Amino acid sequence: MKILQDHSKNDINSGAKDMPVLAGSNPNIFSELLRGFYKKAASKAKTTALALSITLAISTTASSIYAQTPQVKPQSLIAQTASSDHTNLRKTSTNWAGIIAISNAAKPEPAVTSVSGAWYVPKVQYGCTGDSSGAFDAQDTYVMYTWVGIGGYVNKDNTLIQIGTKERVDDGVVRYVAWYELFPYMQNIPISIKPGDLIYANVSLVKGTTDMWNLKFQDLTSGKPIYTKEVYYNASRLSADWVVERATGVWGVDYLPKFSKVNFVNINETIGNYATVGKTSGRISAFDTYSIDMYAGEGKRSVHKIATASKINKEGMFDVKYDVCNPFVSQI
């Protein structure tokens, strides 16, 4: 997995206000990582593996969360037609499901300057552990993220700016959190959210700049004031993303909670699934796109689909649905 370039060599720390905390130094995020690690390590029943994994936990914290593509898959590229003017290609991943908009499906250019999305916060519950019984286990941790962003996919792009909601089940307790990330820096947004809330999020390049971005997040259901923040980040601008993601931890891609269908919707001409790519601004259907389905594992383990992105309809809307019980997949 790729590591983000040394931030001392770019603009992420030069002038940004209240920069997000490095994930590895944030007590909440770090304790969450260790909690998940100890549960997985206990199942390994080897103290030597436990010691090795602590080292891996520290080094993996700053690793890239770009969508990981299985080495072997049922069909990695299935041509579809979203419209007569734009190409849609279906791809697979071990941790992303959703839609990616690019300037050109054959050769994406760094042309994305804005992305926005609207979705309903999904209801989640614990998923299955992937053992031979296929049973569901409430005594474990399941995490997913629903977000919009720029970068992180094309050619294993190791830059990613994203904003959205986190859905987590921990020992049967469900939590919903708003957040943003300038990979690998993550920060919670001080807005309470709950299942069924309609969320609007936007990432836009500030006019006249090459690395200043404006972030917006609003819970339209609660009517709370919109959250806005300007940040510096050297993004690739290769793709606009609307994604449901499962967490990546010490042992690889982690448990995916069972979730209600995530509907990415258009409310009006400004609130919905829109992007600006080059000189074109419009709905998802105005661009070449990749539709990504999430599979259970890599290589020979990539045996079944666990989350599916629907086709984009004529209004530029789509959904991501949970498919089957998810086995835990280890990369070790």
Protein backbone atom coordinates (compact mmCIF):
# COMPACT_ATOMS: atom_id res chain seq x y z
CA MET A 1 0.00 0.00 0.00
CA LYS A 2 1.35 3.42 -0.92
CA ILE A 3 2.21 6.09 1.64
CA LEU A 4 1.32 9.74 1.11
CA GLN A 5 4.34 11.84 0.21
CA ASP A 6 6.24 13.69 2.92
CA HIS A 7 3.99 16.64 3.87
CA SER A 8 7.01 18.76 4.67
CA LYS A 9 7.46 19.02 0.91
CA ASN A 10 4.00 20.26 0.05
CA ASP A 11 1.54 22.92 1.09
CA ILE A 12 -0.62 20.98 3.56
CA ASN A 13 1.07 22.58 6.57
CA SER A 14 1.73 26.03 5.11
CA GLY A 15 -0.92 28.40 6.35
CA ALA A 16 -3.86 26.09 6.91
CA LYS A 17 -6.01 26.95 9.93
CA ASP A 18 -6.61 24.30 12.61
CA MET A 19 -5.12 21.51 10.54
CA PRO A 20 -6.53 18.02 11.16
CA VAL A 21 -4.61 15.84 13.57
CA LEU A 22 -2.43 13.06 12.18
CA ALA A 23 -4.42 9.87 12.58
CA GLY A 24 -1.65 8.16 14.47
CA SER A 25 -1.50 10.92 17.08
CA ASN A 26 -5.23 11.38 17.62
CA PRO A 27 -6.12 9.51 20.85
CA ASN A 28 -9.61 8.63 19.65
CA ILE A 29 -8.51 7.34 16.27
CA PHE A 30 -5.44 5.58 17.66
CA SER A 31 -7.38 3.87 20.44
CA GLU A 32 -9.97 2.81 17.91
CA LEU A 33 -7.25 1.25 15.77
CA LEU A 34 -5.71 -0.56 18.75
CA ARG A 35 -9.12 -1.79 19.91
CA GLY A 36 -9.82 -3.36 16.55
CA PHE A 37 -6.29 -4.72 16.43
CA TYR A 38 -6.42 -6.50 19.78
CA LYS A 39 -9.71 -8.19 18.85
CA LYS A 40 -8.27 -9.50 15.59
CA ALA A 41 -4.95 -10.41 17.23
CA ALA A 42 -6.72 -12.41 19.94
CA SER A 43 -8.28 -14.62 17.31
CA LYS A 44 -4.81 -15.41 15.94
CA ALA A 45 -3.83 -16.92 19.32
CA LYS A 46 -0.15 -16.29 18.76
CA THR A 47 1.74 -13.85 20.94
CA THR A 48 4.48 -13.49 18.34
CA ALA A 49 1.94 -12.37 15.76
CA LEU A 50 0.57 -9.93 18.33
CA ALA A 51 3.95 -8.27 18.80
CA LEU A 52 4.50 -8.04 15.04
CA SER A 53 1.03 -6.59 14.50
CA ILE A 54 1.64 -3.73 16.95
CA THR A 55 4.47 -2.64 14.69
CA LEU A 56 2.22 -3.02 11.67
CA ALA A 57 -0.53 -0.98 13.36
CA ILE A 58 1.79 2.00 13.68
CA SER A 59 3.10 1.79 10.12
CA THR A 60 -0.29 1.09 8.58
CA THR A 61 -2.00 4.13 10.12
CA ALA A 62 -0.54 6.43 7.46
CA SER A 63 -1.05 4.01 4.57
CA SER A 64 -3.17 4.86 1.55
CA ILE A 65 -6.89 4.13 1.53
CA TYR A 66 -7.23 4.18 -2.21
CA ALA A 67 -9.64 1.56 -3.56
CA GLN A 68 -7.83 -1.77 -3.64
CA THR A 69 -8.51 -3.85 -6.75
CA PRO A 70 -8.54 -7.66 -6.41
CA GLN A 71 -5.92 -9.51 -8.46
CA VAL A 72 -8.52 -11.98 -9.69
CA LYS A 73 -12.14 -11.08 -10.10
CA PRO A 74 -15.26 -12.41 -11.84
CA GLN A 75 -15.21 -9.52 -14.32
CA SER A 76 -12.96 -6.56 -13.66
CA LEU A 77 -14.17 -4.40 -16.52
CA ILE A 78 -17.68 -4.56 -17.93
CA ALA A 79 -18.60 -1.90 -20.47
CA GLN A 80 -21.92 -0.18 -19.92
CA THR A 81 -23.53 2.86 -21.44
CA ALA A 82 -24.81 5.59 -19.13
CA SER A 83 -25.74 7.74 -22.10
CA SER A 84 -24.97 7.96 -25.81
CA ASP A 85 -22.29 10.56 -25.11
CA HIS A 86 -20.42 9.22 -22.09
CA THR A 87 -18.67 5.98 -21.19
CA ASN A 88 -19.38 4.00 -18.02
CA LEU A 89 -17.06 1.15 -17.04
CA ARG A 90 -17.80 -1.28 -14.22
CA LYS A 91 -14.89 -2.19 -11.94
CA THR A 92 -14.34 -4.05 -8.68
CA SER A 93 -12.64 -3.23 -5.39
CA THR A 94 -12.13 -4.78 -1.96
CA ASN A 95 -13.08 -1.67 -0.02
CA TRP A 96 -14.96 0.83 -2.25
CA ALA A 97 -18.41 0.77 -3.83
CA GLY A 98 -19.78 3.77 -5.69
CA ILE A 99 -19.27 6.03 -8.70
CA ILE A 100 -16.08 7.72 -9.90
CA ALA A 101 -16.29 10.55 -12.47
CA ILE A 102 -13.27 11.35 -14.61
CA SER A 103 -12.39 13.60 -17.52
CA ASN A 104 -11.88 10.67 -19.87
CA ALA A 105 -12.35 6.96 -19.14
CA ALA A 106 -9.37 5.96 -21.27
CA LYS A 107 -6.97 8.62 -19.96
CA PRO A 108 -8.12 10.69 -16.96
CA GLU A 109 -6.63 14.16 -16.66
CA PRO A 110 -6.15 16.27 -13.49
CA ALA A 111 -9.20 18.39 -14.22
CA VAL A 112 -11.59 17.96 -11.25
CA THR A 113 -12.19 21.16 -9.28
CA SER A 114 -15.45 20.41 -7.46
CA VAL A 115 -17.60 17.54 -6.23
CA SER A 116 -20.81 17.53 -4.21
CA GLY A 117 -23.19 14.86 -3.03
CA ALA A 118 -26.41 14.33 -1.12
CA TRP A 119 -27.35 11.08 0.61
CA TYR A 120 -29.41 9.68 3.46
CA VAL A 121 -27.38 8.37 6.40
CA PRO A 122 -27.78 4.58 6.30
CA LYS A 123 -28.91 2.52 9.26
CA VAL A 124 -26.29 -0.06 10.22
CA GLN A 125 -26.04 -3.15 12.38
CA TYR A 126 -23.34 -5.71 13.04
CA GLY A 127 -22.34 -7.94 10.14
CA CYS A 128 -21.07 -11.50 9.99
CA THR A 129 -17.60 -12.58 11.03
CA GLY A 130 -16.99 -14.81 8.05
CA ASP A 131 -16.47 -18.03 9.97
CA SER A 132 -17.73 -21.34 8.61
CA SER A 133 -21.13 -20.88 10.23
CA GLY A 134 -21.73 -17.52 8.56
CA ALA A 135 -23.12 -16.29 11.88
CA PHE A 136 -23.51 -12.65 12.82
CA ASP A 137 -21.50 -11.49 15.82
CA ALA A 138 -22.55 -8.46 17.87
CA GLN A 139 -19.35 -8.60 19.93
CA ASP A 140 -17.07 -7.04 17.35
CA THR A 141 -16.36 -3.82 15.45
CA TYR A 142 -17.78 -2.97 12.03
CA VAL A 143 -17.02 0.34 10.32
CA MET A 144 -18.06 1.98 7.05
CA TYR A 145 -17.74 5.46 5.58
CA THR A 146 -20.10 7.26 3.20
CA TRP A 147 -18.50 10.24 1.48
CA VAL A 148 -17.72 12.42 -1.51
CA GLY A 149 -14.21 13.45 -2.43
CA ILE A 150 -11.52 14.07 -5.01
CA GLY A 151 -8.71 11.65 -5.90
CA GLY A 152 -7.65 8.33 -4.38
CA TYR A 153 -8.55 6.00 -7.23
CA VAL A 154 -6.98 6.52 -10.65
CA ASN A 155 -3.65 4.69 -10.96
CA LYS A 156 -3.69 4.08 -7.18
CA ASP A 157 -3.60 7.83 -6.61
CA ASN A 158 -2.19 8.43 -3.12
CA THR A 159 -3.87 11.80 -2.58
CA LEU A 160 -7.44 12.01 -1.35
CA ILE A 161 -9.59 14.81 0.02
CA GLN A 162 -12.97 13.62 1.32
CA ILE A 163 -15.89 14.55 3.54
CA GLY A 164 -18.84 12.51 4.79
CA THR A 165 -20.34 10.29 7.47
CA LYS A 166 -18.95 7.39 9.47
CA GLU A 167 -21.18 4.50 10.51
CA ARG A 168 -19.75 2.26 13.24
CA VAL A 169 -20.98 -0.72 15.27
CA ASP A 170 -18.83 -1.54 18.29
CA ASP A 171 -19.91 -4.38 20.60
CA GLY A 172 -23.47 -3.80 19.53
CA VAL A 173 -23.35 -0.01 20.09
CA VAL A 174 -24.01 2.05 16.94
CA ARG A 175 -22.42 5.46 16.39
CA TYR A 176 -22.74 7.98 13.57
CA VAL A 177 -20.11 10.69 13.07
CA ALA A 178 -19.45 13.49 10.55
CA TRP A 179 -15.82 13.89 9.43
CA TYR A 180 -13.43 15.05 6.72
CA GLU A 181 -9.98 13.90 5.71
CA LEU A 182 -6.99 15.30 3.85
CA PHE A 183 -5.32 11.95 3.51
CA PRO A 184 -3.86 10.84 5.86
CA TYR A 185 -5.10 13.56 8.24
CA MET A 186 -8.62 12.98 9.60
CA GLN A 187 -10.81 15.25 11.72
CA ASN A 188 -14.33 14.89 13.12
CA ILE A 189 -16.91 17.56 12.30
CA PRO A 190 -18.86 18.85 15.35
CA ILE A 191 -22.31 18.06 13.97
CA SER A 192 -24.55 15.32 15.39
CA ILE A 193 -26.14 13.04 12.79
CA LYS A 194 -28.50 10.09 12.87
CA PRO A 195 -29.85 7.43 10.47
CA GLY A 196 -32.20 8.79 7.85
CA ASP A 197 -30.79 12.34 7.96
CA LEU A 198 -30.28 13.94 4.55
CA ILE A 199 -26.65 15.03 4.20
CA TYR A 200 -25.13 17.52 1.78
CA ALA A 201 -21.33 17.68 1.32
CA ASN A 202 -19.08 19.57 -1.05
CA VAL A 203 -15.38 19.89 -1.87
CA SER A 204 -14.43 22.79 -4.17
CA LEU A 205 -11.16 24.36 -5.28
CA VAL A 206 -11.07 28.03 -4.29
CA LYS A 207 -11.10 30.15 -7.43
CA GLY A 208 -7.70 31.46 -8.43
CA THR A 209 -5.76 28.88 -6.39
CA THR A 210 -4.23 25.50 -7.08
CA ASP A 211 -4.24 24.02 -3.57
CA MET A 212 -6.82 25.81 -1.40
CA TRP A 213 -10.08 23.92 -0.95
CA ASN A 214 -13.42 24.83 0.55
CA LEU A 215 -15.21 22.05 2.45
CA LYS A 216 -18.93 22.12 3.24
CA PHE A 217 -21.09 19.75 5.30
CA GLN A 218 -24.73 20.15 6.27
CA ASP A 219 -27.40 18.01 7.87
CA LEU A 220 -30.45 19.20 5.92
CA THR A 221 -32.83 17.22 8.11
CA SER A 222 -31.81 18.80 11.41
CA GLY A 223 -31.56 22.28 9.90
CA LYS A 224 -28.30 22.99 11.74
CA PRO A 225 -26.00 25.66 10.25
CA ILE A 226 -23.72 24.51 7.44
CA TYR A 227 -20.15 23.62 8.43
CA THR A 228 -17.48 25.25 6.23
CA LYS A 229 -13.71 25.14 6.31
CA GLU A 230 -10.89 26.23 4.03
CA VAL A 231 -7.85 23.95 3.88
CA TYR A 232 -4.63 23.63 1.92
CA TYR A 233 -3.98 20.33 0.15
CA ASN A 234 -2.04 19.25 -2.92
CA ALA A 235 -4.70 17.02 -4.53
CA SER A 236 -4.29 15.09 -7.78
CA ARG A 237 -7.68 16.27 -9.13
CA LEU A 238 -7.92 13.06 -11.18
CA SER A 239 -11.39 11.93 -10.07
CA ALA A 240 -14.62 12.98 -8.39
CA ASP A 241 -15.84 10.27 -5.99
CA TRP A 242 -19.17 9.20 -4.45
CA VAL A 243 -18.30 6.21 -2.28
CA VAL A 244 -19.34 3.74 0.40
CA GLU A 245 -16.13 2.40 1.95
CA ARG A 246 -15.30 -0.27 4.48
CA ALA A 247 -12.46 0.33 6.91
CA THR A 248 -8.92 -0.91 6.35
CA GLY A 249 -7.10 -2.09 9.46
CA VAL A 250 -4.06 -3.99 10.66
CA TRP A 251 -5.13 -7.30 9.11
CA GLY A 252 -6.34 -5.83 5.82
CA VAL A 253 -9.86 -4.83 4.84
CA ASP A 254 -12.09 -5.08 7.91
CA TYR A 255 -15.63 -6.17 8.75
CA LEU A 256 -18.36 -4.37 6.82
CA PRO A 257 -21.54 -3.65 8.82
CA LYS A 258 -24.86 -4.65 7.34
CA PHE A 259 -26.36 -1.38 6.08
CA SER A 260 -29.59 -0.09 4.58
CA LYS A 261 -29.42 1.04 0.96
CA VAL A 262 -27.44 4.27 0.56
CA ASN A 263 -29.28 6.59 -1.83
CA PHE A 264 -27.22 9.35 -3.48
CA VAL A 265 -29.88 11.83 -4.58
CA ASN A 266 -30.41 15.17 -6.29
CA ILE A 267 -32.58 17.61 -4.33
CA ASN A 268 -32.38 20.62 -6.67
CA GLU A 269 -29.98 22.25 -9.12
CA THR A 270 -27.36 22.95 -6.45
CA ILE A 271 -27.79 20.21 -3.83
CA GLY A 272 -27.08 16.77 -5.22
CA ASN A 273 -24.51 14.70 -7.09
CA TYR A 274 -22.64 17.29 -9.11
CA ALA A 275 -19.06 17.87 -10.24
CA THR A 276 -16.91 20.25 -12.21
CA VAL A 277 -14.43 18.51 -14.48
CA GLY A 278 -12.51 20.80 -16.78
CA LYS A 279 -14.93 23.31 -18.25
CA THR A 280 -17.98 21.10 -17.65
CA SER A 281 -20.20 21.38 -14.58
CA GLY A 282 -23.14 19.04 -14.14
CA ARG A 283 -24.61 15.85 -12.73
CA ILE A 284 -22.71 12.56 -12.66
CA SER A 285 -24.31 11.58 -15.95
CA ALA A 286 -22.49 14.48 -17.68
CA PHE A 287 -19.12 12.68 -17.38
CA ASP A 288 -17.30 9.46 -18.13
CA THR A 289 -17.62 7.25 -15.04
CA TYR A 290 -16.48 4.08 -13.31
CA SER A 291 -19.11 2.11 -11.37
CA ILE A 292 -17.40 0.17 -8.58
CA ASP A 293 -18.69 -2.94 -6.82
CA MET A 294 -17.14 -4.19 -3.57
CA TYR A 295 -15.97 -7.80 -3.37
CA ALA A 296 -15.09 -9.87 -0.33
CA GLY A 297 -11.40 -10.43 -0.92
CA GLU A 298 -8.35 -10.54 -3.11
CA GLY A 299 -7.05 -13.24 -5.40
CA LYS A 300 -8.82 -16.58 -4.98
CA ARG A 301 -10.78 -15.13 -2.05
CA SER A 302 -12.64 -12.75 -4.36
CA VAL A 303 -15.59 -15.11 -4.57
CA HIS A 304 -18.63 -12.97 -3.96
CA LYS A 305 -19.89 -9.43 -4.07
CA ILE A 306 -20.75 -7.65 -0.82
CA ALA A 307 -21.87 -4.20 -2.05
CA THR A 308 -23.19 -3.05 -5.42
CA ALA A 309 -23.39 0.37 -7.05
CA SER A 310 -26.51 0.68 -9.19
CA LYS A 311 -26.57 2.20 -12.64
CA ILE A 312 -26.81 5.98 -12.79
CA ASN A 313 -30.37 6.95 -13.70
CA LYS A 314 -31.32 9.73 -16.10
CA GLU A 315 -31.58 12.20 -13.21
CA GLY A 316 -27.97 11.50 -12.23
CA MET A 317 -28.82 9.53 -9.08
CA PHE A 318 -27.75 6.05 -7.93
CA ASP A 319 -27.56 3.86 -4.85
CA VAL A 320 -25.23 1.42 -3.12
CA LYS A 321 -26.75 -1.67 -1.57
CA TYR A 322 -25.46 -4.34 0.81
CA ASP A 323 -25.37 -7.73 -0.88
CA VAL A 324 -24.29 -10.64 1.30
CA CYS A 325 -22.70 -11.62 4.59
CA ASN A 326 -19.12 -10.35 4.62
CA PRO A 327 -16.20 -12.60 5.59
CA PHE A 328 -13.25 -10.93 7.26
CA VAL A 329 -10.36 -10.80 4.79
CA SER A 330 -6.75 -10.82 5.90
CA GLN A 331 -3.87 -9.63 3.74
CA ILE A 332 -1.37 -11.55 5.86
